[in-house]
Amino acid sequence: MPQDAYTTILLTEPAPGVAVVAFNRPEVANALSTQMGEELAEAWMGLAARASGEGADLRCVILTGQGRHFQAGADLKERNGMTDETWALQHKVFETMVRAQLSVPVPIIAAVNGAAMGGGCEMTLACDFAYASETARFGLPEVGLGIMPGLGGTQLLRRCAGERRAIELLTTGRPFTAAQALEYGVVSGVTAPDALMDTVLAVAAEIAAKAPLSVRALKHVVREAHSLDLAAAMEMELSAYNRLFKTADRREGVASFNEKRTPRFEGK
């Protein structure tokens, strides 16, 4: 879908191999509507296709928000008065959306520029890692609405923050700061507000300059081997390693090192 077909998100490419997906409903704190869920699912599927196969031109994706907020969770005005059937249908859209995000084979970095609440916090957790502005705030407040996170928030928060911390944050619904997010492992770094995008773009460019088949294999093995025992996980790692050393990019990497020049990786 071309960019001009989207109304709730912005899709840009500020650097070679780097795409930025931005929530674009700043007038309502980028709240997640049904339409935004549909557009995000479409965008993630398109980006996944561009990042797959030999010679793929997409190397890294950044997820952020337009305006003062990252994403303040589901649009509760849209949900007000919804029947159970309509609610369930909307959530199916959101489930498709987050699964499409998780299926992107290249790293996705969240640049959390403001409030990341509810679904916004879950989409941050569904990224591979994140950086946050000092002004960012996080939270999974669903327990106060009579529901619970339904886009992976319970499991993804447990994996980065640990079981005890996750249960505390989920059952209290308590918001937490960018500094606390750093302490809990939710984000990798905290920056001044005006330095956030430059910081994340620099990290994305660093990833985009590396061997793309290696980057994709690393993401796959780290994520997919999580549920395996150590022996099986190491076999998965070895299988990926054995594929990589036969590639043209491996030969280019070693040659460029010996010739003291920047490598020209082509994803082959």
C-alpha atoms as a PDB file:
ATOM      1  CA  MET A   1       0.000   0.000   0.000  1.00  0.00           C
ATOM      2  CA  PRO A   2       1.511   3.407  -0.916  1.00  0.00           C
ATOM      3  CA  GLN A   3       2.082   5.963   1.837  1.00  0.00           C
ATOM      4  CA  ASP A   4      -0.683   8.250   0.560  1.00  0.00           C
ATOM      5  CA  ALA A   5      -3.178   5.450   1.244  1.00  0.00           C
ATOM      6  CA  TYR A   6      -2.495   5.669   4.990  1.00  0.00           C
ATOM      7  CA  THR A   7      -4.248   8.206   7.211  1.00  0.00           C
ATOM      8  CA  THR A   8      -3.396   6.994  10.745  1.00  0.00           C
ATOM      9  CA  ILE A   9       0.300   6.182  10.265  1.00  0.00           C
ATOM     10  CA  LEU A  10       3.262   7.673   8.426  1.00  0.00           C
ATOM     11  CA  LEU A  11       5.766   5.492   6.592  1.00  0.00           C
ATOM     12  CA  THR A  12       9.090   7.121   5.648  1.00  0.00           C
ATOM     13  CA  GLU A  13      12.634   6.056   4.741  1.00  0.00           C
ATOM     14  CA  PRO A  14      15.112   8.579   6.167  1.00  0.00           C
ATOM     15  CA  ALA A  15      18.230   6.551   5.292  1.00  0.00           C
ATOM     16  CA  PRO A  16      19.164   3.677   2.971  1.00  0.00           C
ATOM     17  CA  GLY A  17      17.794   0.420   4.319  1.00  0.00           C
ATOM     18  CA  VAL A  18      15.960   2.127   7.214  1.00  0.00           C
ATOM     19  CA  ALA A  19      12.181   2.621   7.394  1.00  0.00           C
ATOM     20  CA  VAL A  20      10.261   4.592  10.025  1.00  0.00           C
ATOM     21  CA  VAL A  21       6.680   3.716  10.965  1.00  0.00           C
ATOM     22  CA  ALA A  22       5.040   6.526  12.952  1.00  0.00           C
ATOM     23  CA  PHE A  23       1.655   6.547  14.662  1.00  0.00           C
ATOM     24  CA  ASN A  24      -0.109   9.598  13.220  1.00  0.00           C
ATOM     25  CA  ARG A  25      -3.127  10.557  15.310  1.00  0.00           C
ATOM     26  CA  PRO A  26      -1.429  13.184  17.492  1.00  0.00           C
ATOM     27  CA  GLU A  27      -4.728  14.951  18.253  1.00  0.00           C
ATOM     28  CA  VAL A  28      -5.809  11.888  20.292  1.00  0.00           C
ATOM     29  CA  ALA A  29      -2.385  10.892  21.678  1.00  0.00           C
ATOM     30  CA  ASN A  30      -1.994   8.439  18.750  1.00  0.00           C
ATOM     31  CA  ALA A  31      -4.703   6.204  20.224  1.00  0.00           C
ATOM     32  CA  LEU A  32      -5.086   2.843  18.512  1.00  0.00           C
ATOM     33  CA  SER A  33      -8.255   2.749  16.403  1.00  0.00           C
ATOM     34  CA  THR A  34      -9.547  -0.093  14.257  1.00  0.00           C
ATOM     35  CA  GLN A  35      -8.350   1.753  11.163  1.00  0.00           C
ATOM     36  CA  MET A  36      -4.875   2.237  12.626  1.00  0.00           C
ATOM     37  CA  GLY A  37      -4.729  -1.477  13.419  1.00  0.00           C
ATOM     38  CA  GLU A  38      -5.630  -2.338   9.842  1.00  0.00           C
ATOM     39  CA  GLU A  39      -3.089   0.100   8.417  1.00  0.00           C
ATOM     40  CA  LEU A  40      -0.323  -1.105  10.725  1.00  0.00           C
ATOM     41  CA  ALA A  41      -0.991  -4.731   9.789  1.00  0.00           C
ATOM     42  CA  GLU A  42      -0.771  -3.820   6.102  1.00  0.00           C
ATOM     43  CA  ALA A  43       2.426  -1.807   6.642  1.00  0.00           C
ATOM     44  CA  TRP A  44       4.146  -4.530   8.666  1.00  0.00           C
ATOM     45  CA  MET A  45       3.302  -7.169   6.046  1.00  0.00           C
ATOM     46  CA  GLY A  46       4.709  -4.975   3.301  1.00  0.00           C
ATOM     47  CA  LEU A  47       7.879  -4.289   5.271  1.00  0.00           C
ATOM     48  CA  ALA A  48       8.305  -7.990   6.049  1.00  0.00           C
ATOM     49  CA  ALA A  49       8.111  -8.793   2.341  1.00  0.00           C
ATOM     50  CA  ARG A  50      10.708  -6.122   1.548  1.00  0.00           C
ATOM     51  CA  ALA A  51      13.052  -7.464   4.231  1.00  0.00           C
ATOM     52  CA  SER A  52      12.889 -11.099   3.079  1.00  0.00           C
ATOM     53  CA  GLY A  53      14.949 -13.065   0.583  1.00  0.00           C
ATOM     54  CA  GLU A  54      18.289 -12.477  -1.072  1.00  0.00           C
ATOM     55  CA  GLY A  55      19.177  -8.911  -1.917  1.00  0.00           C
ATOM     56  CA  ALA A  56      16.412  -7.453   0.288  1.00  0.00           C
ATOM     57  CA  ASP A  57      16.772  -3.681   0.539  1.00  0.00           C
ATOM     58  CA  LEU A  58      15.213  -3.187   3.986  1.00  0.00           C
ATOM     59  CA  ARG A  59      17.635  -3.671   6.884  1.00  0.00           C
ATOM     60  CA  CYS A  60      16.014  -2.066   9.965  1.00  0.00           C
ATOM     61  CA  VAL A  61      12.726  -0.423  11.055  1.00  0.00           C
ATOM     62  CA  ILE A  62      11.999   2.267  13.661  1.00  0.00           C
ATOM     63  CA  LEU A  63       8.600   2.604  15.362  1.00  0.00           C
ATOM     64  CA  THR A  64       7.709   6.000  16.858  1.00  0.00           C
ATOM     65  CA  GLY A  65       4.869   8.491  17.315  1.00  0.00           C
ATOM     66  CA  GLN A  66       4.014  11.844  15.808  1.00  0.00           C
ATOM     67  CA  GLY A  67       3.656  14.737  18.240  1.00  0.00           C
ATOM     68  CA  ARG A  68       4.113  14.585  22.015  1.00  0.00           C
ATOM     69  CA  HIS A  69       2.954  11.002  22.502  1.00  0.00           C
ATOM     70  CA  PHE A  70       4.172   7.601  21.390  1.00  0.00           C
ATOM     71  CA  GLN A  71       0.869   5.724  21.576  1.00  0.00           C
ATOM     72  CA  ALA A  72      -1.628   5.971  24.419  1.00  0.00           C
ATOM     73  CA  GLY A  73      -3.343   2.606  23.920  1.00  0.00           C
ATOM     74  CA  ALA A  74      -6.696   1.674  22.420  1.00  0.00           C
ATOM     75  CA  ASP A  75      -9.097   4.464  21.496  1.00  0.00           C
ATOM     76  CA  LEU A  76     -11.571   4.184  24.379  1.00  0.00           C
ATOM     77  CA  LYS A  77     -13.963   6.659  22.765  1.00  0.00           C
ATOM     78  CA  GLU A  78     -14.259   4.312  19.799  1.00  0.00           C
ATOM     79  CA  ARG A  79     -14.717   1.401  22.205  1.00  0.00           C
ATOM     80  CA  ASN A  80     -17.365   3.129  24.337  1.00  0.00           C
ATOM     81  CA  GLY A  81     -20.636   1.241  23.967  1.00  0.00           C
ATOM     82  CA  MET A  82     -19.175  -1.492  21.740  1.00  0.00           C
ATOM     83  CA  THR A  83     -20.996  -4.796  21.798  1.00  0.00           C
ATOM     84  CA  ASP A  84     -19.014  -7.862  22.808  1.00  0.00           C
ATOM     85  CA  GLU A  85     -19.110  -9.035  19.193  1.00  0.00           C
ATOM     86  CA  THR A  86     -17.724  -5.758  17.834  1.00  0.00           C
ATOM     87  CA  TRP A  87     -15.050  -5.672  20.542  1.00  0.00           C
ATOM     88  CA  ALA A  88     -13.959  -9.204  19.601  1.00  0.00           C
ATOM     89  CA  LEU A  89     -13.810  -8.322  15.900  1.00  0.00           C
ATOM     90  CA  GLN A  90     -11.710  -5.239  16.630  1.00  0.00           C
ATOM     91  CA  HIS A  91      -9.333  -7.254  18.778  1.00  0.00           C
ATOM     92  CA  LYS A  92      -8.863  -9.729  15.931  1.00  0.00           C
ATOM     93  CA  VAL A  93      -7.602  -6.784  13.865  1.00  0.00           C
ATOM     94  CA  PHE A  94      -5.170  -5.869  16.650  1.00  0.00           C
ATOM     95  CA  GLU A  95      -3.997  -9.487  16.967  1.00  0.00           C
ATOM     96  CA  THR A  96      -3.261  -9.587  13.231  1.00  0.00           C
ATOM     97  CA  MET A  97      -1.421  -6.277  13.597  1.00  0.00           C
ATOM     98  CA  VAL A  98       0.937  -7.386  16.378  1.00  0.00           C
ATOM     99  CA  ARG A  99       1.605 -10.768  14.781  1.00  0.00           C
ATOM    100  CA  ALA A 100       2.526  -8.970  11.572  1.00  0.00           C
ATOM    101  CA  GLN A 101       4.915  -6.769  13.587  1.00  0.00           C
ATOM    102  CA  LEU A 102       6.518  -9.818  15.208  1.00  0.00           C
ATOM    103  CA  SER A 103       6.941 -11.481  11.801  1.00  0.00           C
ATOM    104  CA  VAL A 104       9.188  -8.736  10.382  1.00  0.00           C
ATOM    105  CA  PRO A 105      12.563 -10.493   9.957  1.00  0.00           C
ATOM    106  CA  VAL A 106      14.787  -7.440  10.528  1.00  0.00           C
ATOM    107  CA  PRO A 107      15.242  -5.579  13.833  1.00  0.00           C
ATOM    108  CA  ILE A 108      12.510  -3.143  14.862  1.00  0.00           C
ATOM    109  CA  ILE A 109      13.589  -0.408  17.284  1.00  0.00           C
ATOM    110  CA  ALA A 110      11.031   1.584  19.270  1.00  0.00           C
ATOM    111  CA  ALA A 111      11.796   5.295  19.659  1.00  0.00           C
ATOM    112  CA  VAL A 112       9.443   6.086  22.533  1.00  0.00           C
ATOM    113  CA  ASN A 113       8.948   9.839  22.444  1.00  0.00           C
ATOM    114  CA  GLY A 114       6.104  10.146  24.962  1.00  0.00           C
ATOM    115  CA  ALA A 115       3.311   8.153  26.596  1.00  0.00           C
ATOM    116  CA  ALA A 116       3.357   4.433  25.719  1.00  0.00           C
ATOM    117  CA  MET A 117       0.342   3.035  27.514  1.00  0.00           C
ATOM    118  CA  GLY A 118      -1.645  -0.166  27.076  1.00  0.00           C
ATOM    119  CA  GLY A 119      -1.320  -1.274  23.470  1.00  0.00           C
ATOM    120  CA  GLY A 120       1.392   1.328  22.944  1.00  0.00           C
ATOM    121  CA  CYS A 121       3.465  -0.288  25.677  1.00  0.00           C
ATOM    122  CA  GLU A 122       2.765  -3.730  24.215  1.00  0.00           C
ATOM    123  CA  MET A 123       3.927  -2.623  20.763  1.00  0.00           C
ATOM    124  CA  THR A 124       7.089  -1.254  22.377  1.00  0.00           C
ATOM    125  CA  LEU A 125       7.666  -4.648  23.997  1.00  0.00           C
ATOM    126  CA  ALA A 126       7.012  -6.353  20.638  1.00  0.00           C
ATOM    127  CA  CYS A 127       9.913  -4.399  19.133  1.00  0.00           C
ATOM    128  CA  ASP A 128      13.340  -6.011  19.349  1.00  0.00           C
ATOM    129  CA  PHE A 129      14.652  -3.242  21.587  1.00  0.00           C
ATOM    130  CA  ALA A 130      13.822   0.358  22.427  1.00  0.00           C
ATOM    131  CA  TYR A 131      15.142   3.776  23.349  1.00  0.00           C
ATOM    132  CA  ALA A 132      13.097   6.373  25.188  1.00  0.00           C
ATOM    133  CA  SER A 133      12.964  10.091  25.704  1.00  0.00           C
ATOM    134  CA  GLU A 134      13.387  11.283  29.293  1.00  0.00           C
ATOM    135  CA  THR A 135       9.750  12.436  29.080  1.00  0.00           C
ATOM    136  CA  ALA A 136       8.374   9.028  28.078  1.00  0.00           C
ATOM    137  CA  ARG A 137       5.980   7.173  30.336  1.00  0.00           C
ATOM    138  CA  PHE A 138       4.973   3.519  30.184  1.00  0.00           C
ATOM    139  CA  GLY A 139       2.192   1.418  31.612  1.00  0.00           C
ATOM    140  CA  LEU A 140      -0.151  -1.524  31.195  1.00  0.00           C
ATOM    141  CA  PRO A 141      -3.264  -0.232  33.012  1.00  0.00           C
ATOM    142  CA  GLU A 142      -5.768  -2.749  31.631  1.00  0.00           C
ATOM    143  CA  VAL A 143      -6.467  -4.249  35.084  1.00  0.00           C
ATOM    144  CA  GLY A 144      -8.220  -0.986  35.988  1.00  0.00           C
ATOM    145  CA  LEU A 145     -10.555  -1.389  33.000  1.00  0.00           C
ATOM    146  CA  GLY A 146     -11.635  -4.922  33.804  1.00  0.00           C
ATOM    147  CA  ILE A 147      -9.446  -6.510  31.127  1.00  0.00           C
ATOM    148  CA  MET A 148      -5.768  -7.435  30.721  1.00  0.00           C
ATOM    149  CA  PRO A 149      -3.113  -7.028  28.028  1.00  0.00           C
ATOM    150  CA  GLY A 150      -4.024  -9.115  24.992  1.00  0.00           C
ATOM    151  CA  LEU A 151      -1.229  -8.336  22.521  1.00  0.00           C
ATOM    152  CA  GLY A 152       1.575 -10.215  24.234  1.00  0.00           C
ATOM    153  CA  GLY A 153       2.158  -7.707  27.023  1.00  0.00           C
ATOM    154  CA  THR A 154       2.150 -10.216  29.890  1.00  0.00           C
ATOM    155  CA  GLN A 155       4.703 -12.503  28.256  1.00  0.00           C
ATOM    156  CA  LEU A 156       6.914  -9.871  26.664  1.00  0.00           C
ATOM    157  CA  LEU A 157       7.109  -7.838  29.885  1.00  0.00           C
ATOM    158  CA  ARG A 158       8.006 -10.963  31.863  1.00  0.00           C
ATOM    159  CA  ARG A 159      10.811 -11.764  29.430  1.00  0.00           C
ATOM    160  CA  CYS A 160      12.525  -8.400  29.812  1.00  0.00           C
ATOM    161  CA  ALA A 161      11.603  -7.374  33.368  1.00  0.00           C
ATOM    162  CA  GLY A 162      11.332 -10.750  35.109  1.00  0.00           C
ATOM    163  CA  GLU A 163       8.328 -12.532  36.584  1.00  0.00           C
ATOM    164  CA  ARG A 164       8.125 -10.707  39.915  1.00  0.00           C
ATOM    165  CA  ARG A 165       8.389  -7.221  38.426  1.00  0.00           C
ATOM    166  CA  ALA A 166       5.939  -8.097  35.650  1.00  0.00           C
ATOM    167  CA  ILE A 167       3.296  -9.312  38.099  1.00  0.00           C
ATOM    168  CA  GLU A 168       3.728  -6.148  40.180  1.00  0.00           C
ATOM    169  CA  LEU A 169       3.343  -3.811  37.201  1.00  0.00           C
ATOM    170  CA  LEU A 170       0.477  -5.751  35.634  1.00  0.00           C
ATOM    171  CA  THR A 171      -1.623  -6.243  38.773  1.00  0.00           C
ATOM    172  CA  THR A 172      -1.227  -2.664  40.006  1.00  0.00           C
ATOM    173  CA  GLY A 173      -1.527  -1.101  36.553  1.00  0.00           C
ATOM    174  CA  ARG A 174       1.053   1.361  37.850  1.00  0.00           C
ATOM    175  CA  PRO A 175       2.755   3.610  35.255  1.00  0.00           C
ATOM    176  CA  PHE A 176       6.542   3.808  35.177  1.00  0.00           C
ATOM    177  CA  THR A 177       9.074   6.347  33.978  1.00  0.00           C
ATOM    178  CA  ALA A 178      11.729   6.135  31.274  1.00  0.00           C
ATOM    179  CA  ALA A 179      14.390   5.754  33.977  1.00  0.00           C
ATOM    180  CA  GLN A 180      12.453   2.852  35.504  1.00  0.00           C
ATOM    181  CA  ALA A 181      11.974   1.331  32.032  1.00  0.00           C
ATOM    182  CA  LEU A 182      15.751   1.364  31.665  1.00  0.00           C
ATOM    183  CA  GLU A 183      16.169  -0.281  35.068  1.00  0.00           C
ATOM    184  CA  TYR A 184      13.567  -2.960  34.204  1.00  0.00           C
ATOM    185  CA  GLY A 185      15.135  -3.767  30.827  1.00  0.00           C
ATOM    186  CA  VAL A 186      12.199  -2.413  28.811  1.00  0.00           C
ATOM    187  CA  VAL A 187      14.443   0.099  27.031  1.00  0.00           C
ATOM    188  CA  SER A 188      18.144   0.061  26.173  1.00  0.00           C
ATOM    189  CA  GLY A 189      18.770   3.761  26.689  1.00  0.00           C
ATOM    190  CA  VAL A 190      17.231   7.092  27.658  1.00  0.00           C
ATOM    191  CA  THR A 191      17.985  10.358  25.862  1.00  0.00           C
ATOM    192  CA  ALA A 192      17.053  14.003  25.932  1.00  0.00           C
ATOM    193  CA  PRO A 193      13.846  14.517  23.930  1.00  0.00           C
ATOM    194  CA  ASP A 194      15.560  16.289  21.048  1.00  0.00           C
ATOM    195  CA  ALA A 195      18.255  13.601  20.794  1.00  0.00           C
ATOM    196  CA  LEU A 196      15.969  10.550  20.619  1.00  0.00           C
ATOM    197  CA  MET A 197      15.506  10.168  16.869  1.00  0.00           C
ATOM    198  CA  ASP A 198      19.135  10.993  16.068  1.00  0.00           C
ATOM    199  CA  THR A 199      20.216   8.329  18.572  1.00  0.00           C
ATOM    200  CA  VAL A 200      17.893   5.675  17.188  1.00  0.00           C
ATOM    201  CA  LEU A 201      18.653   6.540  13.555  1.00  0.00           C
ATOM    202  CA  ALA A 202      22.357   6.116  14.308  1.00  0.00           C
ATOM    203  CA  VAL A 203      21.736   2.663  15.797  1.00  0.00           C
ATOM    204  CA  ALA A 204      19.535   1.724  12.829  1.00  0.00           C
ATOM    205  CA  ALA A 205      22.229   2.881  10.390  1.00  0.00           C
ATOM    206  CA  GLU A 206      24.785   0.790  12.276  1.00  0.00           C
ATOM    207  CA  ILE A 207      22.584  -2.288  11.866  1.00  0.00           C
ATOM    208  CA  ALA A 208      21.851  -1.475   8.207  1.00  0.00           C
ATOM    209  CA  ALA A 209      25.585  -1.430   7.480  1.00  0.00           C
ATOM    210  CA  LYS A 210      26.082  -4.979   8.762  1.00  0.00           C
ATOM    211  CA  ALA A 211      25.627  -8.205   6.792  1.00  0.00           C
ATOM    212  CA  PRO A 212      21.831  -8.447   6.363  1.00  0.00           C
ATOM    213  CA  LEU A 213      21.642 -12.248   6.249  1.00  0.00           C
ATOM    214  CA  SER A 214      23.578 -12.347   9.520  1.00  0.00           C
ATOM    215  CA  VAL A 215      21.308  -9.740  11.127  1.00  0.00           C
ATOM    216  CA  ARG A 216      18.173 -11.640  10.152  1.00  0.00           C
ATOM    217  CA  ALA A 217      19.638 -14.956  11.336  1.00  0.00           C
ATOM    218  CA  LEU A 218      20.629 -13.428  14.675  1.00  0.00           C
ATOM    219  CA  LYS A 219      17.139 -12.048  15.306  1.00  0.00           C
ATOM    220  CA  HIS A 220      15.563 -15.371  14.345  1.00  0.00           C
ATOM    221  CA  VAL A 221      17.814 -17.513  16.524  1.00  0.00           C
ATOM    222  CA  VAL A 222      17.593 -15.285  19.606  1.00  0.00           C
ATOM    223  CA  ARG A 223      13.800 -15.104  19.405  1.00  0.00           C
ATOM    224  CA  GLU A 224      12.946 -18.635  18.280  1.00  0.00           C
ATOM    225  CA  ALA A 225      15.437 -20.508  20.467  1.00  0.00           C
ATOM    226  CA  HIS A 226      14.027 -18.935  23.630  1.00  0.00           C
ATOM    227  CA  SER A 227      11.662 -21.832  24.295  1.00  0.00           C
ATOM    228  CA  LEU A 228      14.214 -24.575  23.524  1.00  0.00           C
ATOM    229  CA  ASP A 229      16.587 -26.298  25.906  1.00  0.00           C
ATOM    230  CA  LEU A 230      20.247 -25.302  25.620  1.00  0.00           C
ATOM    231  CA  ALA A 231      21.302 -28.201  23.405  1.00  0.00           C
ATOM    232  CA  ALA A 232      18.482 -27.625  20.902  1.00  0.00           C
ATOM    233  CA  ALA A 233      19.071 -23.860  20.946  1.00  0.00           C
ATOM    234  CA  MET A 234      22.761 -24.343  20.195  1.00  0.00           C
ATOM    235  CA  GLU A 235      21.846 -26.661  17.310  1.00  0.00           C
ATOM    236  CA  MET A 236      19.615 -23.923  15.896  1.00  0.00           C
ATOM    237  CA  GLU A 237      22.492 -21.448  16.229  1.00  0.00           C
ATOM    238  CA  LEU A 238      24.917 -23.853  14.530  1.00  0.00           C
ATOM    239  CA  SER A 239      22.517 -24.507  11.659  1.00  0.00           C
ATOM    240  CA  ALA A 240      22.294 -20.751  10.984  1.00  0.00           C
ATOM    241  CA  TYR A 241      26.074 -20.367  11.284  1.00  0.00           C
ATOM    242  CA  ASN A 242      26.645 -23.146   8.757  1.00  0.00           C
ATOM    243  CA  ARG A 243      24.392 -21.403   6.244  1.00  0.00           C
ATOM    244  CA  LEU A 244      26.094 -18.027   6.705  1.00  0.00           C
ATOM    245  CA  PHE A 245      29.719 -19.025   6.155  1.00  0.00           C
ATOM    246  CA  LYS A 246      28.839 -20.193   2.631  1.00  0.00           C
ATOM    247  CA  THR A 247      27.463 -16.799   1.552  1.00  0.00           C
ATOM    248  CA  ALA A 248      28.951 -14.118  -0.669  1.00  0.00           C
ATOM    249  CA  ASP A 249      28.563 -11.657   2.204  1.00  0.00           C
ATOM    250  CA  ARG A 250      30.878 -13.762   4.382  1.00  0.00           C
ATOM    251  CA  ARG A 251      33.515 -13.673   1.661  1.00  0.00           C
ATOM    252  CA  GLU A 252      33.020  -9.918   1.267  1.00  0.00           C
ATOM    253  CA  GLY A 253      33.280  -9.381   5.025  1.00  0.00           C
ATOM    254  CA  VAL A 254      36.597 -11.194   5.322  1.00  0.00           C
ATOM    255  CA  ALA A 255      37.988  -9.611   2.154  1.00  0.00           C
ATOM    256  CA  SER A 256      37.052  -6.085   3.230  1.00  0.00           C
ATOM    257  CA  PHE A 257      38.660  -6.636   6.641  1.00  0.00           C
ATOM    258  CA  ASN A 258      41.933  -7.721   5.050  1.00  0.00           C
ATOM    259  CA  GLU A 259      41.798  -4.947   2.454  1.00  0.00           C
ATOM    260  CA  LYS A 260      41.034  -2.358   5.167  1.00  0.00           C
ATOM    261  CA  ARG A 261      37.915  -1.037   3.471  1.00  0.00           C
ATOM    262  CA  THR A 262      34.201  -0.737   4.259  1.00  0.00           C
ATOM    263  CA  PRO A 263      32.319  -3.920   3.303  1.00  0.00           C
ATOM    264  CA  ARG A 264      29.661  -3.839   0.589  1.00  0.00           C
ATOM    265  CA  PHE A 265      27.090  -6.365   1.774  1.00  0.00           C
ATOM    266  CA  GLU A 266      24.368  -7.361  -0.688  1.00  0.00           C
ATOM    267  CA  GLY A 267      22.406  -9.898   1.313  1.00  0.00           C
ATOM    268  CA  LYS A 268      23.633 -12.831  -0.800  1.00  0.00           C
END
